[in-house]
Amino acid sequence: MDTQRISIVRLAARILSVMLFLLWGAFFIEHLSWFTAIGGSAPPAKVWLLQAVHFLLLVGYLVSLKWEKVGSIIVVISAVIFFSAAAGINAIPFVIVSVFPVLLFMYCWMKGDNKPATPVVK
């Protein structure tokens, strides 16, 4: 029963990762309009840096689909950095929502299912 529960939680974490990738990806694409504005000035360096961290958040969600721990680390670090700088007083709720798949993956790891996502070659 516990193995089945872990499989369901892991599947939920992966589905949530894809959903958050799509959600935050839509915002990422929308914010790219500033970079493509014709005749406008280039955004400041802070915006470039935040956009890069936002992109890293998206990469973290995709990486977590194959390598859960590496992707989770990327998601947590980039979410904290990005939303601390971009969301102001609302940073904490945004970070919690963004790292929720990581919490689900952690549940699986803590319950003892530490199987690597890909086979280890010896």
PDB file of N, CA and C in Angstrom:
ATOM      1  N   MET A   1       0.819  -1.202   0.000  1.00  0.00           N
ATOM      2  CA  MET A   1       0.000   0.000   0.000  1.00  0.00           C
ATOM      3  C   MET A   1       0.858   1.259   0.000  1.00  0.00           C
ATOM      4  N   ASP A   2       1.935   1.231   0.791  1.00  0.00           N
ATOM      5  CA  ASP A   2       2.797   2.409   0.877  1.00  0.00           C
ATOM      6  C   ASP A   2       3.481   2.684  -0.463  1.00  0.00           C
ATOM      7  N   THR A   3       3.866   1.639  -1.180  1.00  0.00           N
ATOM      8  CA  THR A   3       4.499   1.808  -2.479  1.00  0.00           C
ATOM      9  C   THR A   3       3.528   2.440  -3.464  1.00  0.00           C
ATOM     10  N   GLN A   4       2.278   2.025  -3.403  1.00  0.00           N
ATOM     11  CA  GLN A   4       1.264   2.597  -4.290  1.00  0.00           C
ATOM     12  C   GLN A   4       1.034   4.072  -3.964  1.00  0.00           C
ATOM     13  N   ARG A   5       0.995   4.403  -2.680  1.00  0.00           N
ATOM     14  CA  ARG A   5       0.813   5.800  -2.261  1.00  0.00           C
ATOM     15  C   ARG A   5       1.979   6.652  -2.750  1.00  0.00           C
ATOM     16  N   ILE A   6       3.192   6.131  -2.616  1.00  0.00           N
ATOM     17  CA  ILE A   6       4.368   6.868  -3.075  1.00  0.00           C
ATOM     18  C   ILE A   6       4.303   7.088  -4.583  1.00  0.00           C
ATOM     19  N   SER A   7       3.874   6.091  -5.326  1.00  0.00           N
ATOM     20  CA  SER A   7       3.749   6.233  -6.780  1.00  0.00           C
ATOM     21  C   SER A   7       2.728   7.308  -7.145  1.00  0.00           C
ATOM     22  N   ILE A   8       1.640   7.352  -6.415  1.00  0.00           N
ATOM     23  CA  ILE A   8       0.605   8.354  -6.679  1.00  0.00           C
ATOM     24  C   ILE A   8       1.111   9.750  -6.344  1.00  0.00           C
ATOM     25  N   VAL A   9       1.802   9.884  -5.217  1.00  0.00           N
ATOM     26  CA  VAL A   9       2.342  11.184  -4.824  1.00  0.00           C
ATOM     27  C   VAL A   9       3.398  11.640  -5.826  1.00  0.00           C
ATOM     28  N   ARG A  10       4.251  10.715  -6.268  1.00  0.00           N
ATOM     29  CA  ARG A  10       5.272  11.056  -7.255  1.00  0.00           C
ATOM     30  C   ARG A  10       4.628  11.512  -8.574  1.00  0.00           C
ATOM     31  N   LEU A  11       3.578  10.826  -8.999  1.00  0.00           N
ATOM     32  CA  LEU A  11       2.862  11.218 -10.210  1.00  0.00           C
ATOM     33  C   LEU A  11       2.235  12.601 -10.030  1.00  0.00           C
ATOM     34  N   ALA A  12       1.657  12.839  -8.866  1.00  0.00           N
ATOM     35  CA  ALA A  12       1.073  14.156  -8.582  1.00  0.00           C
ATOM     36  C   ALA A  12       2.142  15.251  -8.621  1.00  0.00           C
ATOM     37  N   ALA A  13       3.317  14.959  -8.089  1.00  0.00           N
ATOM     38  CA  ALA A  13       4.412  15.933  -8.112  1.00  0.00           C
ATOM     39  C   ALA A  13       4.819  16.249  -9.546  1.00  0.00           C
ATOM     40  N   ARG A  14       4.881  15.236 -10.376  1.00  0.00           N
ATOM     41  CA  ARG A  14       5.264  15.460 -11.772  1.00  0.00           C
ATOM     42  C   ARG A  14       4.189  16.226 -12.539  1.00  0.00           C
ATOM     43  N   ILE A  15       2.933  15.889 -12.303  1.00  0.00           N
ATOM     44  CA  ILE A  15       1.842  16.622 -12.962  1.00  0.00           C
ATOM     45  C   ILE A  15       1.849  18.079 -12.510  1.00  0.00           C
ATOM     46  N   LEU A  16       2.034  18.306 -11.221  1.00  0.00           N
ATOM     47  CA  LEU A  16       2.083  19.668 -10.700  1.00  0.00           C
ATOM     48  C   LEU A  16       3.281  20.428 -11.263  1.00  0.00           C
ATOM     49  N   SER A  17       4.407  19.748 -11.438  1.00  0.00           N
ATOM     50  CA  SER A  17       5.578  20.393 -12.049  1.00  0.00           C
ATOM     51  C   SER A  17       5.262  20.869 -13.459  1.00  0.00           C
ATOM     52  N   VAL A  18       4.582  20.039 -14.217  1.00  0.00           N
ATOM     53  CA  VAL A  18       4.209  20.421 -15.587  1.00  0.00           C
ATOM     54  C   VAL A  18       3.221  21.585 -15.560  1.00  0.00           C
ATOM     55  N   MET A  19       2.251  21.526 -14.659  1.00  0.00           N
ATOM     56  CA  MET A  19       1.262  22.605 -14.578  1.00  0.00           C
ATOM     57  C   MET A  19       1.908  23.931 -14.182  1.00  0.00           C
ATOM     58  N   LEU A  20       2.822  23.895 -13.216  1.00  0.00           N
ATOM     59  CA  LEU A  20       3.505  25.123 -12.810  1.00  0.00           C
ATOM     60  C   LEU A  20       4.454  25.601 -13.896  1.00  0.00           C
ATOM     61  N   PHE A  21       5.062  24.674 -14.624  1.00  0.00           N
ATOM     62  CA  PHE A  21       5.883  25.059 -15.773  1.00  0.00           C
ATOM     63  C   PHE A  21       5.034  25.839 -16.779  1.00  0.00           C
ATOM     64  N   LEU A  22       3.836  25.358 -17.047  1.00  0.00           N
ATOM     65  CA  LEU A  22       2.959  26.041 -18.001  1.00  0.00           C
ATOM     66  C   LEU A  22       2.496  27.402 -17.457  1.00  0.00           C
ATOM     67  N   LEU A  23       2.143  27.450 -16.179  1.00  0.00           N
ATOM     68  CA  LEU A  23       1.698  28.705 -15.578  1.00  0.00           C
ATOM     69  C   LEU A  23       2.809  29.753 -15.589  1.00  0.00           C
ATOM     70  N   TRP A  24       3.951  29.412 -14.974  1.00  0.00           N
ATOM     71  CA  TRP A  24       5.045  30.382 -14.898  1.00  0.00           C
ATOM     72  C   TRP A  24       5.669  30.602 -16.277  1.00  0.00           C
ATOM     73  N   GLY A  25       5.562  29.614 -17.157  1.00  0.00           N
ATOM     74  CA  GLY A  25       6.047  29.786 -18.531  1.00  0.00           C
ATOM     75  C   GLY A  25       5.243  30.822 -19.291  1.00  0.00           C
ATOM     76  N   ALA A  26       3.928  30.868 -19.051  1.00  0.00           N
ATOM     77  CA  ALA A  26       3.086  31.888 -19.692  1.00  0.00           C
ATOM     78  C   ALA A  26       3.505  33.283 -19.240  1.00  0.00           C
ATOM     79  N   PHE A  27       3.786  33.440 -17.950  1.00  0.00           N
ATOM     80  CA  PHE A  27       4.260  34.730 -17.455  1.00  0.00           C
ATOM     81  C   PHE A  27       5.629  35.071 -18.042  1.00  0.00           C
ATOM     82  N   PHE A  28       6.479  34.066 -18.160  1.00  0.00           N
ATOM     83  CA  PHE A  28       7.805  34.277 -18.733  1.00  0.00           C
ATOM     84  C   PHE A  28       7.688  34.802 -20.163  1.00  0.00           C
ATOM     85  N   ILE A  29       6.848  34.160 -20.957  1.00  0.00           N
ATOM     86  CA  ILE A  29       6.665  34.577 -22.351  1.00  0.00           C
ATOM     87  C   ILE A  29       6.069  35.983 -22.413  1.00  0.00           C
ATOM     88  N   GLU A  30       5.111  36.250 -21.538  1.00  0.00           N
ATOM     89  CA  GLU A  30       4.510  37.588 -21.504  1.00  0.00           C
ATOM     90  C   GLU A  30       5.552  38.653 -21.182  1.00  0.00           C
ATOM     91  N   HIS A  31       6.447  38.354 -20.274  1.00  0.00           N
ATOM     92  CA  HIS A  31       7.467  39.333 -19.896  1.00  0.00           C
ATOM     93  C   HIS A  31       8.538  39.501 -20.971  1.00  0.00           C
ATOM     94  N   LEU A  32       8.625  38.562 -21.888  1.00  0.00           N
ATOM     95  CA  LEU A  32       9.573  38.703 -22.997  1.00  0.00           C
ATOM     96  C   LEU A  32       9.192  39.852 -23.920  1.00  0.00           C
ATOM     97  N   SER A  33       7.936  40.286 -23.867  1.00  0.00           N
ATOM     98  CA  SER A  33       7.501  41.373 -24.742  1.00  0.00           C
ATOM     99  C   SER A  33       8.324  42.637 -24.510  1.00  0.00           C
ATOM    100  N   TRP A  34       8.794  42.832 -23.289  1.00  0.00           N
ATOM    101  CA  TRP A  34       9.619  43.996 -22.997  1.00  0.00           C
ATOM    102  C   TRP A  34      10.938  43.916 -23.772  1.00  0.00           C
ATOM    103  N   PHE A  35      11.437  42.711 -23.953  1.00  0.00           N
ATOM    104  CA  PHE A  35      12.704  42.521 -24.637  1.00  0.00           C
ATOM    105  C   PHE A  35      12.558  42.678 -26.149  1.00  0.00           C
ATOM    106  N   THR A  36      11.349  42.504 -26.662  1.00  0.00           N
ATOM    107  CA  THR A  36      11.141  42.559 -28.109  1.00  0.00           C
ATOM    108  C   THR A  36      10.452  43.831 -28.557  1.00  0.00           C
ATOM    109  N   ALA A  37      10.237  44.763 -27.651  1.00  0.00           N
ATOM    110  CA  ALA A  37       9.562  46.014 -28.009  1.00  0.00           C
ATOM    111  C   ALA A  37      10.401  46.789 -29.020  1.00  0.00           C
ATOM    112  N   ILE A  38       9.774  47.149 -30.113  1.00  0.00           N
ATOM    113  CA  ILE A  38      10.469  47.894 -31.170  1.00  0.00           C
ATOM    114  C   ILE A  38      10.513  49.364 -30.778  1.00  0.00           C
ATOM    115  N   GLY A  39      11.685  49.929 -30.873  1.00  0.00           N
ATOM    116  CA  GLY A  39      11.852  51.341 -30.566  1.00  0.00           C
ATOM    117  C   GLY A  39      11.965  51.653 -29.091  1.00  0.00           C
ATOM    118  N   GLY A  40      11.763  50.675 -28.257  1.00  0.00           N
ATOM    119  CA  GLY A  40      11.879  50.901 -26.822  1.00  0.00           C
ATOM    120  C   GLY A  40      13.313  50.701 -26.359  1.00  0.00           C
ATOM    121  N   SER A  41      13.594  51.202 -25.192  1.00  0.00           N
ATOM    122  CA  SER A  41      14.936  51.011 -24.652  1.00  0.00           C
ATOM    123  C   SER A  41      15.036  49.623 -24.026  1.00  0.00           C
ATOM    124  N   ALA A  42      16.255  49.142 -23.943  1.00  0.00           N
ATOM    125  CA  ALA A  42      16.497  47.828 -23.349  1.00  0.00           C
ATOM    126  C   ALA A  42      16.181  47.887 -21.852  1.00  0.00           C
ATOM    127  N   PRO A  43      15.662  46.816 -21.310  1.00  0.00           N
ATOM    128  CA  PRO A  43      15.369  46.815 -19.865  1.00  0.00           C
ATOM    129  C   PRO A  43      16.662  46.888 -19.055  1.00  0.00           C
ATOM    130  N   PRO A  44      16.551  47.337 -17.818  1.00  0.00           N
ATOM    131  CA  PRO A  44      17.744  47.409 -16.966  1.00  0.00           C
ATOM    132  C   PRO A  44      18.315  46.029 -16.669  1.00  0.00           C
ATOM    133  N   ALA A  45      19.540  46.004 -16.193  1.00  0.00           N
ATOM    134  CA  ALA A  45      20.249  44.752 -15.908  1.00  0.00           C
ATOM    135  C   ALA A  45      19.491  43.893 -14.896  1.00  0.00           C
ATOM    136  N   LYS A  46      18.819  44.518 -13.926  1.00  0.00           N
ATOM    137  CA  LYS A  46      18.066  43.766 -12.924  1.00  0.00           C
ATOM    138  C   LYS A  46      16.966  42.935 -13.591  1.00  0.00           C
ATOM    139  N   VAL A  47      16.331  43.499 -14.601  1.00  0.00           N
ATOM    140  CA  VAL A  47      15.265  42.779 -15.305  1.00  0.00           C
ATOM    141  C   VAL A  47      15.849  41.595 -16.067  1.00  0.00           C
ATOM    142  N   TRP A  48      16.992  41.792 -16.697  1.00  0.00           N
ATOM    143  CA  TRP A  48      17.656  40.685 -17.400  1.00  0.00           C
ATOM    144  C   TRP A  48      17.970  39.557 -16.425  1.00  0.00           C
ATOM    145  N   LEU A  49      18.507  39.931 -15.276  1.00  0.00           N
ATOM    146  CA  LEU A  49      18.885  38.937 -14.278  1.00  0.00           C
ATOM    147  C   LEU A  49      17.646  38.201 -13.748  1.00  0.00           C
ATOM    148  N   LEU A  50      16.595  38.925 -13.445  1.00  0.00           N
ATOM    149  CA  LEU A  50      15.369  38.284 -12.952  1.00  0.00           C
ATOM    150  C   LEU A  50      14.749  37.384 -14.016  1.00  0.00           C
ATOM    151  N   GLN A  51      14.819  37.805 -15.265  1.00  0.00           N
ATOM    152  CA  GLN A  51      14.282  36.964 -16.338  1.00  0.00           C
ATOM    153  C   GLN A  51      15.109  35.677 -16.452  1.00  0.00           C
ATOM    154  N   ALA A  52      16.414  35.773 -16.252  1.00  0.00           N
ATOM    155  CA  ALA A  52      17.271  34.582 -16.284  1.00  0.00           C
ATOM    156  C   ALA A  52      16.925  33.632 -15.129  1.00  0.00           C
ATOM    157  N   VAL A  53      16.675  34.180 -13.945  1.00  0.00           N
ATOM    158  CA  VAL A  53      16.303  33.349 -12.799  1.00  0.00           C
ATOM    159  C   VAL A  53      14.919  32.730 -13.025  1.00  0.00           C
ATOM    160  N   HIS A  54      14.024  33.484 -13.626  1.00  0.00           N
ATOM    161  CA  HIS A  54      12.693  32.955 -13.967  1.00  0.00           C
ATOM    162  C   HIS A  54      12.834  31.784 -14.945  1.00  0.00           C
ATOM    163  N   PHE A  55      13.707  31.933 -15.921  1.00  0.00           N
ATOM    164  CA  PHE A  55      13.966  30.848 -16.875  1.00  0.00           C
ATOM    165  C   PHE A  55      14.543  29.630 -16.149  1.00  0.00           C
ATOM    166  N   LEU A  56      15.435  29.870 -15.199  1.00  0.00           N
ATOM    167  CA  LEU A  56      16.015  28.777 -14.417  1.00  0.00           C
ATOM    168  C   LEU A  56      14.938  28.038 -13.622  1.00  0.00           C
ATOM    169  N   LEU A  57      13.950  28.760 -13.124  1.00  0.00           N
ATOM    170  CA  LEU A  57      12.819  28.119 -12.432  1.00  0.00           C
ATOM    171  C   LEU A  57      12.108  27.160 -13.375  1.00  0.00           C
ATOM    172  N   LEU A  58      11.870  27.605 -14.605  1.00  0.00           N
ATOM    173  CA  LEU A  58      11.209  26.753 -15.595  1.00  0.00           C
ATOM    174  C   LEU A  58      12.050  25.527 -15.916  1.00  0.00           C
ATOM    175  N   VAL A  59      13.349  25.724 -16.050  1.00  0.00           N
ATOM    176  CA  VAL A  59      14.257  24.608 -16.304  1.00  0.00           C
ATOM    177  C   VAL A  59      14.204  23.608 -15.148  1.00  0.00           C
ATOM    178  N   GLY A  60      14.144  24.114 -13.927  1.00  0.00           N
ATOM    179  CA  GLY A  60      14.071  23.245 -12.749  1.00  0.00           C
ATOM    180  C   GLY A  60      12.861  22.326 -12.779  1.00  0.00           C
ATOM    181  N   TYR A  61      11.707  22.863 -13.192  1.00  0.00           N
ATOM    182  CA  TYR A  61      10.514  22.015 -13.288  1.00  0.00           C
ATOM    183  C   TYR A  61      10.721  20.895 -14.301  1.00  0.00           C
ATOM    184  N   LEU A  62      11.305  21.209 -15.429  1.00  0.00           N
ATOM    185  CA  LEU A  62      11.526  20.180 -16.447  1.00  0.00           C
ATOM    186  C   LEU A  62      12.571  19.162 -16.004  1.00  0.00           C
ATOM    187  N   VAL A  63      13.632  19.632 -15.381  1.00  0.00           N
ATOM    188  CA  VAL A  63      14.684  18.726 -14.902  1.00  0.00           C
ATOM    189  C   VAL A  63      14.125  17.775 -13.840  1.00  0.00           C
ATOM    190  N   SER A  64      13.224  18.277 -13.002  1.00  0.00           N
ATOM    191  CA  SER A  64      12.673  17.433 -11.932  1.00  0.00           C
ATOM    192  C   SER A  64      11.852  16.260 -12.462  1.00  0.00           C
ATOM    193  N   LEU A  65      11.430  16.338 -13.696  1.00  0.00           N
ATOM    194  CA  LEU A  65      10.681  15.223 -14.273  1.00  0.00           C
ATOM    195  C   LEU A  65      11.566  14.001 -14.478  1.00  0.00           C
ATOM    196  N   LYS A  66      12.848  14.227 -14.700  1.00  0.00           N
ATOM    197  CA  LYS A  66      13.791  13.116 -14.916  1.00  0.00           C
ATOM    198  C   LYS A  66      14.692  12.912 -13.694  1.00  0.00           C
ATOM    199  N   TRP A  67      15.233  14.007 -13.169  1.00  0.00           N
ATOM    200  CA  TRP A  67      16.130  13.954 -12.008  1.00  0.00           C
ATOM    201  C   TRP A  67      15.494  14.781 -10.900  1.00  0.00           C
ATOM    202  N   GLU A  68      14.733  14.110 -10.066  1.00  0.00           N
ATOM    203  CA  GLU A  68      13.917  14.788  -9.063  1.00  0.00           C
ATOM    204  C   GLU A  68      14.714  15.679  -8.120  1.00  0.00           C
ATOM    205  N   LYS A  69      15.801  15.168  -7.597  1.00  0.00           N
ATOM    206  CA  LYS A  69      16.553  15.930  -6.593  1.00  0.00           C
ATOM    207  C   LYS A  69      17.253  17.140  -7.203  1.00  0.00           C
ATOM    208  N   VAL A  70      17.891  16.961  -8.335  1.00  0.00           N
ATOM    209  CA  VAL A  70      18.576  18.082  -8.986  1.00  0.00           C
ATOM    210  C   VAL A  70      17.559  19.153  -9.384  1.00  0.00           C
ATOM    211  N   GLY A  71      16.472  18.734 -10.004  1.00  0.00           N
ATOM    212  CA  GLY A  71      15.428  19.677 -10.398  1.00  0.00           C
ATOM    213  C   GLY A  71      14.824  20.384  -9.204  1.00  0.00           C
ATOM    214  N   SER A  72      14.637  19.659  -8.112  1.00  0.00           N
ATOM    215  CA  SER A  72      14.064  20.250  -6.905  1.00  0.00           C
ATOM    216  C   SER A  72      14.969  21.330  -6.329  1.00  0.00           C
ATOM    217  N   ILE A  73      16.256  21.075  -6.329  1.00  0.00           N
ATOM    218  CA  ILE A  73      17.212  22.074  -5.837  1.00  0.00           C
ATOM    219  C   ILE A  73      17.138  23.330  -6.692  1.00  0.00           C
ATOM    220  N   ILE A  74      17.093  23.142  -8.005  1.00  0.00           N
ATOM    221  CA  ILE A  74      17.002  24.283  -8.919  1.00  0.00           C
ATOM    222  C   ILE A  74      15.712  25.060  -8.676  1.00  0.00           C
ATOM    223  N   VAL A  75      14.606  24.353  -8.503  1.00  0.00           N
ATOM    224  CA  VAL A  75      13.309  25.004  -8.281  1.00  0.00           C
ATOM    225  C   VAL A  75      13.329  25.818  -6.992  1.00  0.00           C
ATOM    226  N   VAL A  76      13.802  25.234  -5.912  1.00  0.00           N
ATOM    227  CA  VAL A  76      13.790  25.937  -4.625  1.00  0.00           C
ATOM    228  C   VAL A  76      14.660  27.188  -4.683  1.00  0.00           C
ATOM    229  N   ILE A  77      15.877  27.059  -5.159  1.00  0.00           N
ATOM    230  CA  ILE A  77      16.796  28.203  -5.187  1.00  0.00           C
ATOM    231  C   ILE A  77      16.260  29.299  -6.092  1.00  0.00           C
ATOM    232  N   SER A  78      15.841  28.929  -7.300  1.00  0.00           N
ATOM    233  CA  SER A  78      15.383  29.956  -8.238  1.00  0.00           C
ATOM    234  C   SER A  78      14.058  30.579  -7.787  1.00  0.00           C
ATOM    235  N   ALA A  79      13.159  29.793  -7.192  1.00  0.00           N
ATOM    236  CA  ALA A  79      11.887  30.352  -6.717  1.00  0.00           C
ATOM    237  C   ALA A  79      12.119  31.367  -5.606  1.00  0.00           C
ATOM    238  N   VAL A  80      12.991  31.031  -4.666  1.00  0.00           N
ATOM    239  CA  VAL A  80      13.265  31.952  -3.563  1.00  0.00           C
ATOM    240  C   VAL A  80      13.893  33.241  -4.086  1.00  0.00           C
ATOM    241  N   ILE A  81      14.878  33.115  -4.962  1.00  0.00           N
ATOM    242  CA  ILE A  81      15.537  34.307  -5.505  1.00  0.00           C
ATOM    243  C   ILE A  81      14.560  35.134  -6.336  1.00  0.00           C
ATOM    244  N   PHE A  82      13.866  34.482  -7.265  1.00  0.00           N
ATOM    245  CA  PHE A  82      12.995  35.208  -8.183  1.00  0.00           C
ATOM    246  C   PHE A  82      11.850  35.902  -7.457  1.00  0.00           C
ATOM    247  N   PHE A  83      11.104  35.161  -6.647  1.00  0.00           N
ATOM    248  CA  PHE A  83       9.927  35.752  -6.025  1.00  0.00           C
ATOM    249  C   PHE A  83      10.289  36.723  -4.907  1.00  0.00           C
ATOM    250  N   SER A  84      11.432  36.543  -4.273  1.00  0.00           N
ATOM    251  CA  SER A  84      11.870  37.523  -3.279  1.00  0.00           C
ATOM    252  C   SER A  84      12.107  38.881  -3.939  1.00  0.00           C
ATOM    253  N   ALA A  85      12.635  38.848  -5.140  1.00  0.00           N
ATOM    254  CA  ALA A  85      12.918  40.097  -5.854  1.00  0.00           C
ATOM    255  C   ALA A  85      11.717  40.621  -6.631  1.00  0.00           C
ATOM    256  N   ALA A  86      10.883  39.730  -7.162  1.00  0.00           N
ATOM    257  CA  ALA A  86       9.814  40.155  -8.072  1.00  0.00           C
ATOM    258  C   ALA A  86       8.450  40.312  -7.401  1.00  0.00           C
ATOM    259  N   ALA A  87       8.170  39.574  -6.336  1.00  0.00           N
ATOM    260  CA  ALA A  87       6.820  39.570  -5.779  1.00  0.00           C
ATOM    261  C   ALA A  87       6.672  40.420  -4.526  1.00  0.00           C
ATOM    262  N   GLY A  88       7.753  40.951  -4.022  1.00  0.00           N
ATOM    263  CA  GLY A  88       7.683  41.818  -2.851  1.00  0.00           C
ATOM    264  C   GLY A  88       7.059  41.132  -1.651  1.00  0.00           C
ATOM    265  N   ILE A  89       6.035  41.762  -1.088  1.00  0.00           N
ATOM    266  CA  ILE A  89       5.398  41.247   0.121  1.00  0.00           C
ATOM    267  C   ILE A  89       4.670  39.921  -0.120  1.00  0.00           C
ATOM    268  N   ASN A  90       4.352  39.612  -1.363  1.00  0.00           N
ATOM    269  CA  ASN A  90       3.661  38.364  -1.702  1.00  0.00           C
ATOM    270  C   ASN A  90       4.619  37.218  -2.016  1.00  0.00           C
ATOM    271  N   ALA A  91       5.881  37.389  -1.749  1.00  0.00           N
ATOM    272  CA  ALA A  91       6.880  36.382  -2.106  1.00  0.00           C
ATOM    273  C   ALA A  91       6.613  35.028  -1.444  1.00  0.00           C
ATOM    274  N   ILE A  92       6.256  35.024  -0.186  1.00  0.00           N
ATOM    275  CA  ILE A  92       6.101  33.759   0.539  1.00  0.00           C
ATOM    276  C   ILE A  92       5.015  32.873  -0.079  1.00  0.00           C
ATOM    277  N   PRO A  93       3.808  33.393  -0.349  1.00  0.00           N
ATOM    278  CA  PRO A  93       2.818  32.511  -0.987  1.00  0.00           C
ATOM    279  C   PRO A  93       3.260  32.020  -2.366  1.00  0.00           C
ATOM    280  N   PHE A  94       3.911  32.872  -3.140  1.00  0.00           N
ATOM    281  CA  PHE A  94       4.385  32.457  -4.460  1.00  0.00           C
ATOM    282  C   PHE A  94       5.447  31.366  -4.341  1.00  0.00           C
ATOM    283  N   VAL A  95       6.346  31.500  -3.379  1.00  0.00           N
ATOM    284  CA  VAL A  95       7.382  30.481  -3.181  1.00  0.00           C
ATOM    285  C   VAL A  95       6.742  29.167  -2.743  1.00  0.00           C
ATOM    286  N   ILE A  96       5.794  29.228  -1.834  1.00  0.00           N
ATOM    287  CA  ILE A  96       5.143  27.999  -1.352  1.00  0.00           C
ATOM    288  C   ILE A  96       4.459  27.268  -2.503  1.00  0.00           C
ATOM    289  N   VAL A  97       3.716  27.997  -3.316  1.00  0.00           N
ATOM    290  CA  VAL A  97       3.052  27.373  -4.463  1.00  0.00           C
ATOM    291  C   VAL A  97       4.084  26.787  -5.418  1.00  0.00           C
ATOM    292  N   SER A  98       5.160  27.523  -5.659  1.00  0.00           N
ATOM    293  CA  SER A  98       6.171  27.101  -6.630  1.00  0.00           C
ATOM    294  C   SER A  98       6.955  25.874  -6.193  1.00  0.00           C
ATOM    295  N   VAL A  99       7.167  25.712  -4.899  1.00  0.00           N
ATOM    296  CA  VAL A  99       7.959  24.574  -4.423  1.00  0.00           C
ATOM    297  C   VAL A  99       7.085  23.406  -3.978  1.00  0.00           C
ATOM    298  N   PHE A 100       5.789  23.491  -4.159  1.00  0.00           N
ATOM    299  CA  PHE A 100       4.918  22.404  -3.721  1.00  0.00           C
ATOM    300  C   PHE A 100       5.284  21.060  -4.351  1.00  0.00           C
ATOM    301  N   PRO A 101       5.653  20.996  -5.651  1.00  0.00           N
ATOM    302  CA  PRO A 101       6.086  19.702  -6.187  1.00  0.00           C
ATOM    303  C   PRO A 101       7.311  19.150  -5.447  1.00  0.00           C
ATOM    304  N   VAL A 102       8.193  20.043  -5.026  1.00  0.00           N
ATOM    305  CA  VAL A 102       9.382  19.618  -4.283  1.00  0.00           C
ATOM    306  C   VAL A 102       8.962  18.974  -2.964  1.00  0.00           C
ATOM    307  N   LEU A 103       7.962  19.543  -2.306  1.00  0.00           N
ATOM    308  CA  LEU A 103       7.485  18.964  -1.051  1.00  0.00           C
ATOM    309  C   LEU A 103       6.913  17.566  -1.279  1.00  0.00           C
ATOM    310  N   LEU A 104       6.229  17.385  -2.395  1.00  0.00           N
ATOM    311  CA  LEU A 104       5.701  16.057  -2.714  1.00  0.00           C
ATOM    312  C   LEU A 104       6.833  15.068  -3.008  1.00  0.00           C
ATOM    313  N   PHE A 105       7.844  15.520  -3.744  1.00  0.00           N
ATOM    314  CA  PHE A 105       9.001  14.651  -3.992  1.00  0.00           C
ATOM    315  C   PHE A 105       9.688  14.299  -2.677  1.00  0.00           C
ATOM    316  N   MET A 106       9.809  15.273  -1.781  1.00  0.00           N
ATOM    317  CA  MET A 106      10.455  15.023  -0.490  1.00  0.00           C
ATOM    318  C   MET A 106       9.680  13.982   0.311  1.00  0.00           C
ATOM    319  N   TYR A 107       8.366  14.022   0.236  1.00  0.00           N
ATOM    320  CA  TYR A 107       7.541  13.006   0.905  1.00  0.00           C
ATOM    321  C   TYR A 107       7.947  11.614   0.417  1.00  0.00           C
ATOM    322  N   CYS A 108       8.103  11.475  -0.893  1.00  0.00           N
ATOM    323  CA  CYS A 108       8.493  10.176  -1.459  1.00  0.00           C
ATOM    324  C   CYS A 108       9.868   9.752  -0.956  1.00  0.00           C
ATOM    325  N   TRP A 109      10.799  10.689  -0.922  1.00  0.00           N
ATOM    326  CA  TRP A 109      12.156  10.350  -0.462  1.00  0.00           C
ATOM    327  C   TRP A 109      12.153   9.967   1.011  1.00  0.00           C
ATOM    328  N   MET A 110      11.369  10.684   1.815  1.00  0.00           N
ATOM    329  CA  MET A 110      11.343  10.409   3.251  1.00  0.00           C
ATOM    330  C   MET A 110      10.653   9.083   3.564  1.00  0.00           C
ATOM    331  N   LYS A 111       9.759   8.655   2.708  1.00  0.00           N
ATOM    332  CA  LYS A 111       9.084   7.374   2.902  1.00  0.00           C
ATOM    333  C   LYS A 111       9.935   6.203   2.421  1.00  0.00           C
ATOM    334  N   GLY A 112      11.146   6.504   1.985  1.00  0.00           N
ATOM    335  CA  GLY A 112      12.077   5.439   1.667  1.00  0.00           C
ATOM    336  C   GLY A 112      12.176   5.051   0.215  1.00  0.00           C
ATOM    337  N   ASP A 113      11.446   5.691  -0.652  1.00  0.00           N
ATOM    338  CA  ASP A 113      11.532   5.371  -2.073  1.00  0.00           C
ATOM    339  C   ASP A 113      12.573   6.277  -2.712  1.00  0.00           C
ATOM    340  N   ASN A 114      13.829   5.872  -2.593  1.00  0.00           N
ATOM    341  CA  ASN A 114      14.935   6.672  -3.120  1.00  0.00           C
ATOM    342  C   ASN A 114      15.486   6.104  -4.412  1.00  0.00           C
ATOM    343  N   LYS A 115      14.665   5.378  -5.130  1.00  0.00           N
ATOM    344  CA  LYS A 115      15.127   4.799  -6.392  1.00  0.00           C
ATOM    345  C   LYS A 115      15.484   5.924  -7.355  1.00  0.00           C
ATOM    346  N   PRO A 116      16.628   5.814  -7.996  1.00  0.00           N
ATOM    347  CA  PRO A 116      16.952   6.830  -8.995  1.00  0.00           C
ATOM    348  C   PRO A 116      15.986   6.746 -10.170  1.00  0.00           C
ATOM    349  N   ALA A 117      15.734   7.892 -10.797  1.00  0.00           N
ATOM    350  CA  ALA A 117      14.806   7.934 -11.928  1.00  0.00           C
ATOM    351  C   ALA A 117      15.364   7.190 -13.134  1.00  0.00           C
ATOM    352  N   THR A 118      16.713   7.095 -13.209  1.00  0.00           N
ATOM    353  CA  THR A 118      17.349   6.356 -14.301  1.00  0.00           C
ATOM    354  C   THR A 118      18.239   5.273 -13.691  1.00  0.00           C
ATOM    355  N   PRO A 119      18.422   4.142 -14.380  1.00  0.00           N
ATOM    356  CA  PRO A 119      19.235   3.065 -13.824  1.00  0.00           C
ATOM    357  C   PRO A 119      20.696   3.489 -13.658  1.00  0.00           C
ATOM    358  N   VAL A 120      21.296   3.008 -12.592  1.00  0.00           N
ATOM    359  CA  VAL A 120      22.703   3.271 -12.326  1.00  0.00           C
ATOM    360  C   VAL A 120      23.532   2.188 -12.988  1.00  0.00           C
ATOM    361  N   VAL A 121      24.515   2.597 -13.786  1.00  0.00           N
ATOM    362  CA  VAL A 121      25.383   1.637 -14.483  1.00  0.00           C
ATOM    363  C   VAL A 121      26.591   1.368 -13.598  1.00  0.00           C
ATOM    364  N   LYS A 122      26.881   0.087 -13.367  1.00  0.00           N
ATOM    365  CA  LYS A 122      28.037  -0.267 -12.529  1.00  0.00           C
ATOM    366  C   LYS A 122      29.121  -0.856 -13.382  1.00  0.00           C
TER     367      LYS A 122
END
